[in-house]
Amino acid sequence: MSMAGRAFILAASLVAGIGMAEAAPDSLTKAGKIVFCSDLNSPPNQYMAEDGSTPTGVAIDMLKGIGDELKLPIEIMNVKFSGIFPALDTGQCDAIMASTSKSPERLQKYNFVDYWAVASGLLVKKGNPQNLKTYLDLSGKRVAVLLGSANQRRLEAANEELAKLGKPPMEIAAFPGNTIAFQELDLGRVDAMVGDTMVLSYFQTRSNGKFEIGGAPVPPSTLGIIVTKPREDVAAAFRKALDDMQTSGKLQAMADKWGVAAGMTLCTSAKPCP
């Protein structure tokens, strides 16, 4: 397979439902499945299970739910993020689901089916003894963050602001995975972990009360499924499936199962996210 960024496929077919797909667009029923491109490296949203071959996560459960609603099996293509849009543009998958945020540039080129919104903030020791609520509060502290993330860039920008204010910079420790970043916090090697509130809520619920979200200074970003412009019928089918899952309580149950409900806002047609 030739694709920019040497993206790769790790085949994982997740059978979500069998039967006549009356609610699905013709292009999907003819194919007999829904193919999603995803970068499986972002727990708790989408990542590989410990067996190294099974996609899992709250967003993967959401995709299974879409398959249930449309009565079609789903298939996940594991593609490095650098190659995920070329994969969609060349028809190798029906849609992207990779914790991708809404932006004016993406809205111009693609259909965007929003599913939830998340802010960004700081995970700190219970009681927040250092009173860390904003990124500027991290002056002179050591902080863990996901390597290459928007939050790393925000911390770097905060350091520039701290320099203008004549305050000591924070020490930014960037790690290739959120799990490693949390381990650093758990071991006391950093004063805070910065990430989106969904990720922070996930680790908070697994900390036995040791940590809390000290603040969420970055306004929510809306995440969504991305579909090419000509396939508006596919985007509309996904939108209706998600709305039905919200009405039935399935989406909320998924968020509760993964311990991330406190860190997200669900998006629907009736209550769209900005």
C-alpha atoms as a PDB file:
ATOM      1  CA  MET A   1       0.000   0.000   0.000  1.00  0.00           C
ATOM      2  CA  SER A   2       1.330   3.440  -0.910  1.00  0.00           C
ATOM      3  CA  MET A   3       0.341   6.338   1.255  1.00  0.00           C
ATOM      4  CA  ALA A   4       1.903   9.552   2.511  1.00  0.00           C
ATOM      5  CA  GLY A   5       3.537   9.155   5.906  1.00  0.00           C
ATOM      6  CA  ARG A   6       3.937   5.348   5.483  1.00  0.00           C
ATOM      7  CA  ALA A   7       0.624   4.689   7.144  1.00  0.00           C
ATOM      8  CA  PHE A   8      -0.097   1.070   7.931  1.00  0.00           C
ATOM      9  CA  ILE A   9      -3.151  -1.132   8.286  1.00  0.00           C
ATOM     10  CA  LEU A  10      -3.701  -3.419  11.243  1.00  0.00           C
ATOM     11  CA  ALA A  11      -6.808  -5.301  10.217  1.00  0.00           C
ATOM     12  CA  ALA A  12      -9.398  -5.650  12.932  1.00  0.00           C
ATOM     13  CA  SER A  13     -12.936  -6.524  11.944  1.00  0.00           C
ATOM     14  CA  LEU A  14     -15.398  -5.935  14.771  1.00  0.00           C
ATOM     15  CA  VAL A  15     -18.769  -7.489  14.008  1.00  0.00           C
ATOM     16  CA  ALA A  16     -21.321  -5.097  15.408  1.00  0.00           C
ATOM     17  CA  GLY A  17     -24.537  -6.477  13.972  1.00  0.00           C
ATOM     18  CA  ILE A  18     -25.837  -8.807  11.296  1.00  0.00           C
ATOM     19  CA  GLY A  19     -28.981  -8.273   9.245  1.00  0.00           C
ATOM     20  CA  MET A  20     -30.593  -6.177   6.551  1.00  0.00           C
ATOM     21  CA  ALA A  21     -29.149  -2.665   6.612  1.00  0.00           C
ATOM     22  CA  GLU A  22     -32.310  -0.745   5.750  1.00  0.00           C
ATOM     23  CA  ALA A  23     -31.123   2.417   7.511  1.00  0.00           C
ATOM     24  CA  ALA A  24     -27.712   2.477   5.823  1.00  0.00           C
ATOM     25  CA  PRO A  25     -26.877   4.288   2.551  1.00  0.00           C
ATOM     26  CA  ASP A  26     -26.573   2.141  -0.585  1.00  0.00           C
ATOM     27  CA  SER A  27     -22.805   2.604  -0.778  1.00  0.00           C
ATOM     28  CA  LEU A  28     -22.397   0.988   2.635  1.00  0.00           C
ATOM     29  CA  THR A  29     -24.891  -1.821   2.114  1.00  0.00           C
ATOM     30  CA  LYS A  30     -23.260  -2.749  -1.190  1.00  0.00           C
ATOM     31  CA  ALA A  31     -19.864  -2.907   0.506  1.00  0.00           C
ATOM     32  CA  GLY A  32     -21.375  -4.967   3.320  1.00  0.00           C
ATOM     33  CA  LYS A  33     -19.438  -3.145   6.024  1.00  0.00           C
ATOM     34  CA  ILE A  34     -18.358   0.264   7.334  1.00  0.00           C
ATOM     35  CA  VAL A  35     -14.615   0.952   7.246  1.00  0.00           C
ATOM     36  CA  PHE A  36     -13.233   3.532   9.696  1.00  0.00           C
ATOM     37  CA  CYS A  37      -9.682   4.882   9.607  1.00  0.00           C
ATOM     38  CA  SER A  38      -8.299   5.468  13.097  1.00  0.00           C
ATOM     39  CA  ASP A  39      -4.982   6.107  14.819  1.00  0.00           C
ATOM     40  CA  LEU A  40      -5.170   3.519  17.600  1.00  0.00           C
ATOM     41  CA  ASN A  41      -2.830   5.249  20.021  1.00  0.00           C
ATOM     42  CA  SER A  42      -5.068   7.384  22.214  1.00  0.00           C
ATOM     43  CA  PRO A  43      -6.529   5.762  25.338  1.00  0.00           C
ATOM     44  CA  PRO A  44      -9.247   5.871  26.514  1.00  0.00           C
ATOM     45  CA  ASN A  45     -10.723   6.897  23.140  1.00  0.00           C
ATOM     46  CA  GLN A  46      -9.181   4.434  20.707  1.00  0.00           C
ATOM     47  CA  TYR A  47      -6.186   2.176  21.227  1.00  0.00           C
ATOM     48  CA  MET A  48      -4.972  -1.417  21.016  1.00  0.00           C
ATOM     49  CA  ALA A  49      -5.867  -3.888  23.732  1.00  0.00           C
ATOM     50  CA  GLU A  50      -3.109  -5.781  25.532  1.00  0.00           C
ATOM     51  CA  ASP A  51      -3.214  -8.535  22.902  1.00  0.00           C
ATOM     52  CA  GLY A  52      -1.853  -6.016  20.401  1.00  0.00           C
ATOM     53  CA  SER A  53      -4.466  -6.774  17.755  1.00  0.00           C
ATOM     54  CA  THR A  54      -7.871  -5.754  19.119  1.00  0.00           C
ATOM     55  CA  PRO A  55      -9.050  -2.130  18.902  1.00  0.00           C
ATOM     56  CA  THR A  56     -10.678  -0.966  22.116  1.00  0.00           C
ATOM     57  CA  GLY A  57     -11.769   2.226  23.861  1.00  0.00           C
ATOM     58  CA  VAL A  58     -14.862   4.336  24.418  1.00  0.00           C
ATOM     59  CA  ALA A  59     -14.792   5.671  20.836  1.00  0.00           C
ATOM     60  CA  ILE A  60     -14.428   2.123  19.483  1.00  0.00           C
ATOM     61  CA  ASP A  61     -17.535   1.173  21.469  1.00  0.00           C
ATOM     62  CA  MET A  62     -19.258   4.148  19.834  1.00  0.00           C
ATOM     63  CA  LEU A  63     -18.326   2.863  16.369  1.00  0.00           C
ATOM     64  CA  LYS A  64     -19.666  -0.574  17.269  1.00  0.00           C
ATOM     65  CA  GLY A  65     -22.877   1.176  18.278  1.00  0.00           C
ATOM     66  CA  ILE A  66     -23.095   2.886  14.892  1.00  0.00           C
ATOM     67  CA  GLY A  67     -22.699  -0.531  13.291  1.00  0.00           C
ATOM     68  CA  ASP A  68     -25.510  -1.848  15.472  1.00  0.00           C
ATOM     69  CA  GLU A  69     -27.807   1.004  14.456  1.00  0.00           C
ATOM     70  CA  LEU A  70     -27.074   0.561  10.731  1.00  0.00           C
ATOM     71  CA  LYS A  71     -27.027  -3.261  10.983  1.00  0.00           C
ATOM     72  CA  LEU A  72     -23.590  -3.547   9.406  1.00  0.00           C
ATOM     73  CA  PRO A  73     -20.271  -4.922  10.651  1.00  0.00           C
ATOM     74  CA  ILE A  74     -17.489  -2.387  11.087  1.00  0.00           C
ATOM     75  CA  GLU A  75     -13.809  -2.648  10.250  1.00  0.00           C
ATOM     76  CA  ILE A  76     -11.046  -0.538  11.771  1.00  0.00           C
ATOM     77  CA  MET A  77      -7.983   0.417   9.724  1.00  0.00           C
ATOM     78  CA  ASN A  78      -5.141   1.440  12.027  1.00  0.00           C
ATOM     79  CA  VAL A  79      -3.443   4.325  10.216  1.00  0.00           C
ATOM     80  CA  LYS A  80      -0.791   6.704  11.497  1.00  0.00           C
ATOM     81  CA  PHE A  81      -2.340  10.140  11.849  1.00  0.00           C
ATOM     82  CA  SER A  82      -0.012  11.612   9.223  1.00  0.00           C
ATOM     83  CA  GLY A  83      -1.596   9.336   6.633  1.00  0.00           C
ATOM     84  CA  ILE A  84      -5.172   9.268   7.827  1.00  0.00           C
ATOM     85  CA  PHE A  85      -6.592  12.029   5.598  1.00  0.00           C
ATOM     86  CA  PRO A  86      -4.883  10.663   2.452  1.00  0.00           C
ATOM     87  CA  ALA A  87      -6.437   7.285   3.282  1.00  0.00           C
ATOM     88  CA  LEU A  88      -9.902   8.836   3.420  1.00  0.00           C
ATOM     89  CA  ASP A  89      -9.360  10.987   0.325  1.00  0.00           C
ATOM     90  CA  THR A  90      -8.321   7.958  -1.743  1.00  0.00           C
ATOM     91  CA  GLY A  91     -11.331   5.903  -0.672  1.00  0.00           C
ATOM     92  CA  GLN A  92      -9.524   3.399   1.536  1.00  0.00           C
ATOM     93  CA  CYS A  93     -12.050   3.970   4.304  1.00  0.00           C
ATOM     94  CA  ASP A  94     -15.540   5.403   4.623  1.00  0.00           C
ATOM     95  CA  ALA A  95     -14.726   7.793   7.459  1.00  0.00           C
ATOM     96  CA  ILE A  96     -12.107   8.936   9.962  1.00  0.00           C
ATOM     97  CA  MET A  97     -12.562   8.508  13.696  1.00  0.00           C
ATOM     98  CA  ALA A  98      -9.328   9.527  15.414  1.00  0.00           C
ATOM     99  CA  SER A  99     -10.254  12.062  18.127  1.00  0.00           C
ATOM    100  CA  THR A 100     -10.138  14.653  15.351  1.00  0.00           C
ATOM    101  CA  SER A 101     -11.215  18.161  16.299  1.00  0.00           C
ATOM    102  CA  LYS A 102     -13.490  20.506  14.400  1.00  0.00           C
ATOM    103  CA  SER A 103     -11.832  23.389  12.553  1.00  0.00           C
ATOM    104  CA  PRO A 104     -12.905  25.851   9.834  1.00  0.00           C
ATOM    105  CA  GLU A 105     -10.428  24.264   7.418  1.00  0.00           C
ATOM    106  CA  ARG A 106     -11.829  20.771   7.945  1.00  0.00           C
ATOM    107  CA  LEU A 107     -15.424  21.974   7.674  1.00  0.00           C
ATOM    108  CA  GLN A 108     -14.653  23.466   4.265  1.00  0.00           C
ATOM    109  CA  LYS A 109     -13.378  20.179   2.880  1.00  0.00           C
ATOM    110  CA  TYR A 110     -15.283  17.475   4.784  1.00  0.00           C
ATOM    111  CA  ASN A 111     -18.552  16.534   6.434  1.00  0.00           C
ATOM    112  CA  PHE A 112     -18.036  16.621  10.195  1.00  0.00           C
ATOM    113  CA  VAL A 113     -20.272  14.521  12.458  1.00  0.00           C
ATOM    114  CA  ASP A 114     -19.613  15.724  16.001  1.00  0.00           C
ATOM    115  CA  TYR A 115     -20.002  13.232  18.825  1.00  0.00           C
ATOM    116  CA  TRP A 116     -18.550  14.885  21.948  1.00  0.00           C
ATOM    117  CA  ALA A 117     -16.573  17.889  23.150  1.00  0.00           C
ATOM    118  CA  VAL A 118     -13.690  17.949  25.613  1.00  0.00           C
ATOM    119  CA  ALA A 119     -11.785  20.738  27.346  1.00  0.00           C
ATOM    120  CA  SER A 120      -8.134  20.584  28.443  1.00  0.00           C
ATOM    121  CA  GLY A 121      -6.792  20.884  31.939  1.00  0.00           C
ATOM    122  CA  LEU A 122      -4.507  19.646  34.700  1.00  0.00           C
ATOM    123  CA  LEU A 123      -4.574  16.451  36.753  1.00  0.00           C
ATOM    124  CA  VAL A 124      -3.047  17.061  40.196  1.00  0.00           C
ATOM    125  CA  LYS A 125      -2.839  15.512  43.658  1.00  0.00           C
ATOM    126  CA  LYS A 126      -6.113  15.258  45.541  1.00  0.00           C
ATOM    127  CA  GLY A 127      -6.876  18.549  47.235  1.00  0.00           C
ATOM    128  CA  ASN A 128      -4.666  20.416  44.758  1.00  0.00           C
ATOM    129  CA  PRO A 129      -2.108  21.391  47.461  1.00  0.00           C
ATOM    130  CA  GLN A 130      -0.094  23.526  44.990  1.00  0.00           C
ATOM    131  CA  ASN A 131      -3.218  25.320  43.725  1.00  0.00           C
ATOM    132  CA  LEU A 132      -2.520  24.508  40.076  1.00  0.00           C
ATOM    133  CA  LYS A 133      -5.503  25.690  38.037  1.00  0.00           C
ATOM    134  CA  THR A 134      -4.052  27.247  34.868  1.00  0.00           C
ATOM    135  CA  TYR A 135      -1.011  26.587  32.716  1.00  0.00           C
ATOM    136  CA  LEU A 136       0.654  29.749  34.041  1.00  0.00           C
ATOM    137  CA  ASP A 137       0.365  28.276  37.548  1.00  0.00           C
ATOM    138  CA  LEU A 138       2.912  25.672  36.420  1.00  0.00           C
ATOM    139  CA  SER A 139       5.751  28.206  36.633  1.00  0.00           C
ATOM    140  CA  GLY A 140       8.750  26.428  38.166  1.00  0.00           C
ATOM    141  CA  LYS A 141       6.930  23.072  38.145  1.00  0.00           C
ATOM    142  CA  ARG A 142       7.486  19.887  36.166  1.00  0.00           C
ATOM    143  CA  VAL A 143       4.549  18.756  34.036  1.00  0.00           C
ATOM    144  CA  ALA A 144       3.831  15.640  31.958  1.00  0.00           C
ATOM    145  CA  VAL A 145       2.084  15.909  28.588  1.00  0.00           C
ATOM    146  CA  LEU A 146       1.501  13.851  25.443  1.00  0.00           C
ATOM    147  CA  LEU A 147       4.324  14.265  22.941  1.00  0.00           C
ATOM    148  CA  GLY A 148       3.343  16.265  19.847  1.00  0.00           C
ATOM    149  CA  SER A 149      -0.101  17.149  21.199  1.00  0.00           C
ATOM    150  CA  ALA A 150      -1.897  20.478  21.065  1.00  0.00           C
ATOM    151  CA  ASN A 151      -1.474  20.636  24.822  1.00  0.00           C
ATOM    152  CA  GLN A 152       2.303  20.423  24.487  1.00  0.00           C
ATOM    153  CA  ARG A 153       2.147  23.416  22.167  1.00  0.00           C
ATOM    154  CA  ARG A 154      -0.062  25.241  24.664  1.00  0.00           C
ATOM    155  CA  LEU A 155       2.449  24.600  27.444  1.00  0.00           C
ATOM    156  CA  GLU A 156       5.278  25.888  25.254  1.00  0.00           C
ATOM    157  CA  ALA A 157       3.228  29.023  24.563  1.00  0.00           C
ATOM    158  CA  ALA A 158       2.607  29.376  28.311  1.00  0.00           C
ATOM    159  CA  ASN A 159       6.373  29.259  28.880  1.00  0.00           C
ATOM    160  CA  GLU A 160       6.776  32.135  26.445  1.00  0.00           C
ATOM    161  CA  GLU A 161       4.174  34.079  28.401  1.00  0.00           C
ATOM    162  CA  LEU A 162       5.917  33.262  31.676  1.00  0.00           C
ATOM    163  CA  ALA A 163       9.167  34.609  30.242  1.00  0.00           C
ATOM    164  CA  LYS A 164       7.443  37.891  29.393  1.00  0.00           C
ATOM    165  CA  LEU A 165       6.176  38.057  32.954  1.00  0.00           C
ATOM    166  CA  GLY A 166       9.663  37.438  34.328  1.00  0.00           C
ATOM    167  CA  LYS A 167       8.636  34.164  35.941  1.00  0.00           C
ATOM    168  CA  PRO A 168      10.497  30.826  35.875  1.00  0.00           C
ATOM    169  CA  PRO A 169       9.426  28.463  33.087  1.00  0.00           C
ATOM    170  CA  MET A 170       7.832  25.095  33.725  1.00  0.00           C
ATOM    171  CA  GLU A 171       9.767  21.960  32.836  1.00  0.00           C
ATOM    172  CA  ILE A 172       7.795  20.179  30.111  1.00  0.00           C
ATOM    173  CA  ALA A 173       8.214  16.398  30.104  1.00  0.00           C
ATOM    174  CA  ALA A 174       6.620  15.071  26.891  1.00  0.00           C
ATOM    175  CA  PHE A 175       5.895  11.352  26.595  1.00  0.00           C
ATOM    176  CA  PRO A 176       4.745   9.195  23.642  1.00  0.00           C
ATOM    177  CA  GLY A 177       1.623   8.005  25.450  1.00  0.00           C
ATOM    178  CA  ASN A 178      -0.845   9.309  28.027  1.00  0.00           C
ATOM    179  CA  THR A 179      -0.393   6.158  30.100  1.00  0.00           C
ATOM    180  CA  ILE A 180       3.301   6.927  30.554  1.00  0.00           C
ATOM    181  CA  ALA A 181       2.502  10.559  31.396  1.00  0.00           C
ATOM    182  CA  PHE A 182       0.100   9.424  34.114  1.00  0.00           C
ATOM    183  CA  GLN A 183       2.642   6.965  35.506  1.00  0.00           C
ATOM    184  CA  GLU A 184       5.047   9.865  35.958  1.00  0.00           C
ATOM    185  CA  LEU A 185       2.397  11.720  37.950  1.00  0.00           C
ATOM    186  CA  ASP A 186       1.546   8.635  39.984  1.00  0.00           C
ATOM    187  CA  LEU A 187       5.222   8.140  40.844  1.00  0.00           C
ATOM    188  CA  GLY A 188       5.554  11.770  41.947  1.00  0.00           C
ATOM    189  CA  ARG A 189       8.061  12.661  39.247  1.00  0.00           C
ATOM    190  CA  VAL A 190       5.906  15.537  37.953  1.00  0.00           C
ATOM    191  CA  ASP A 191       3.644  18.056  39.675  1.00  0.00           C
ATOM    192  CA  ALA A 192       0.812  17.760  37.153  1.00  0.00           C
ATOM    193  CA  MET A 193      -0.334  15.990  34.017  1.00  0.00           C
ATOM    194  CA  VAL A 194      -1.885  18.079  31.258  1.00  0.00           C
ATOM    195  CA  GLY A 195      -4.362  16.589  28.788  1.00  0.00           C
ATOM    196  CA  ASP A 196      -7.934  16.735  27.596  1.00  0.00           C
ATOM    197  CA  THR A 197     -10.530  16.369  30.324  1.00  0.00           C
ATOM    198  CA  MET A 198     -11.752  13.041  28.980  1.00  0.00           C
ATOM    199  CA  VAL A 199      -8.293  11.505  29.332  1.00  0.00           C
ATOM    200  CA  LEU A 200      -7.825  13.100  32.738  1.00  0.00           C
ATOM    201  CA  SER A 201     -11.196  11.817  33.953  1.00  0.00           C
ATOM    202  CA  TYR A 202     -10.250   8.321  32.766  1.00  0.00           C
ATOM    203  CA  PHE A 203      -7.063   8.279  34.836  1.00  0.00           C
ATOM    204  CA  GLN A 204      -8.717  10.041  37.774  1.00  0.00           C
ATOM    205  CA  THR A 205     -11.324   7.292  38.096  1.00  0.00           C
ATOM    206  CA  ARG A 206      -8.527   4.702  38.144  1.00  0.00           C
ATOM    207  CA  SER A 207      -6.413   6.458  40.793  1.00  0.00           C
ATOM    208  CA  ASN A 208      -8.319   5.347  43.922  1.00  0.00           C
ATOM    209  CA  GLY A 209      -8.934   8.960  44.879  1.00  0.00           C
ATOM    210  CA  LYS A 210      -5.296  10.078  44.654  1.00  0.00           C
ATOM    211  CA  PHE A 211      -5.844  12.738  41.973  1.00  0.00           C
ATOM    212  CA  GLU A 212      -8.331  15.359  40.797  1.00  0.00           C
ATOM    213  CA  ILE A 213      -8.692  17.792  37.930  1.00  0.00           C
ATOM    214  CA  GLY A 214      -7.261  21.050  39.266  1.00  0.00           C
ATOM    215  CA  GLY A 215      -8.643  23.194  36.471  1.00  0.00           C
ATOM    216  CA  ALA A 216      -9.674  23.173  32.823  1.00  0.00           C
ATOM    217  CA  PRO A 217      -8.381  26.468  31.404  1.00  0.00           C
ATOM    218  CA  VAL A 218      -8.711  25.511  27.726  1.00  0.00           C
ATOM    219  CA  PRO A 219     -12.273  25.767  26.317  1.00  0.00           C
ATOM    220  CA  PRO A 220     -13.820  22.575  24.880  1.00  0.00           C
ATOM    221  CA  SER A 221     -12.905  21.316  21.424  1.00  0.00           C
ATOM    222  CA  THR A 222     -15.473  19.353  19.451  1.00  0.00           C
ATOM    223  CA  LEU A 223     -14.430  15.926  18.162  1.00  0.00           C
ATOM    224  CA  GLY A 224     -16.121  14.213  15.271  1.00  0.00           C
ATOM    225  CA  ILE A 225     -16.273  11.587  12.558  1.00  0.00           C
ATOM    226  CA  ILE A 226     -15.020  12.920   9.221  1.00  0.00           C
ATOM    227  CA  VAL A 227     -16.582  11.951   5.884  1.00  0.00           C
ATOM    228  CA  THR A 228     -15.785  13.270   2.405  1.00  0.00           C
ATOM    229  CA  LYS A 229     -18.085  16.007   1.062  1.00  0.00           C
ATOM    230  CA  PRO A 230     -19.743  13.937  -1.704  1.00  0.00           C
ATOM    231  CA  ARG A 231     -20.929  11.331   0.807  1.00  0.00           C
ATOM    232  CA  GLU A 232     -23.430  13.448   2.689  1.00  0.00           C
ATOM    233  CA  ASP A 233     -25.784  10.468   2.936  1.00  0.00           C
ATOM    234  CA  VAL A 234     -23.156   8.548   4.913  1.00  0.00           C
ATOM    235  CA  ALA A 235     -22.581  11.495   7.259  1.00  0.00           C
ATOM    236  CA  ALA A 236     -26.352  11.852   7.746  1.00  0.00           C
ATOM    237  CA  ALA A 237     -26.675   8.135   8.563  1.00  0.00           C
ATOM    238  CA  PHE A 238     -23.921   8.418  11.182  1.00  0.00           C
ATOM    239  CA  ARG A 239     -25.594  11.517  12.650  1.00  0.00           C
ATOM    240  CA  LYS A 240     -28.929   9.746  12.999  1.00  0.00           C
ATOM    241  CA  ALA A 241     -27.286   6.665  14.498  1.00  0.00           C
ATOM    242  CA  LEU A 242     -25.545   8.792  17.125  1.00  0.00           C
ATOM    243  CA  ASP A 243     -28.745  10.698  17.887  1.00  0.00           C
ATOM    244  CA  ASP A 244     -30.600   7.414  18.373  1.00  0.00           C
ATOM    245  CA  MET A 245     -27.810   6.138  20.642  1.00  0.00           C
ATOM    246  CA  GLN A 246     -28.064   9.306  22.714  1.00  0.00           C
ATOM    247  CA  THR A 247     -31.848   9.031  22.980  1.00  0.00           C
ATOM    248  CA  SER A 248     -31.645   5.393  24.059  1.00  0.00           C
ATOM    249  CA  GLY A 249     -28.951   6.132  26.632  1.00  0.00           C
ATOM    250  CA  LYS A 250     -26.320   3.981  24.910  1.00  0.00           C
ATOM    251  CA  LEU A 251     -23.786   6.796  24.539  1.00  0.00           C
ATOM    252  CA  GLN A 252     -24.099   7.807  28.182  1.00  0.00           C
ATOM    253  CA  ALA A 253     -23.700   4.178  29.238  1.00  0.00           C
ATOM    254  CA  MET A 254     -20.474   3.945  27.231  1.00  0.00           C
ATOM    255  CA  ALA A 255     -19.110   7.095  28.858  1.00  0.00           C
ATOM    256  CA  ASP A 256     -20.029   5.743  32.300  1.00  0.00           C
ATOM    257  CA  LYS A 257     -18.453   2.358  31.553  1.00  0.00           C
ATOM    258  CA  TRP A 258     -15.114   3.979  30.703  1.00  0.00           C
ATOM    259  CA  GLY A 259     -15.227   6.496  33.556  1.00  0.00           C
ATOM    260  CA  VAL A 260     -15.047   9.529  31.263  1.00  0.00           C
ATOM    261  CA  ALA A 261     -18.522  11.034  31.586  1.00  0.00           C
ATOM    262  CA  ALA A 262     -17.318  13.903  33.770  1.00  0.00           C
ATOM    263  CA  GLY A 263     -14.787  14.967  31.152  1.00  0.00           C
ATOM    264  CA  MET A 264     -17.027  15.273  28.109  1.00  0.00           C
ATOM    265  CA  THR A 265     -20.156  16.826  26.661  1.00  0.00           C
ATOM    266  CA  LEU A 266     -22.192  14.670  24.270  1.00  0.00           C
ATOM    267  CA  CYS A 267     -23.224  16.295  20.977  1.00  0.00           C
ATOM    268  CA  THR A 268     -26.562  15.721  19.209  1.00  0.00           C
ATOM    269  CA  SER A 269     -28.601  17.294  16.435  1.00  0.00           C
ATOM    270  CA  ALA A 270     -30.828  18.858  19.080  1.00  0.00           C
ATOM    271  CA  LYS A 271     -27.839  20.116  21.086  1.00  0.00           C
ATOM    272  CA  PRO A 272     -24.904  20.480  18.676  1.00  0.00           C
ATOM    273  CA  CYS A 273     -21.444  21.257  20.003  1.00  0.00           C
ATOM    274  CA  PRO A 274     -19.788  24.474  18.771  1.00  0.00           C
END
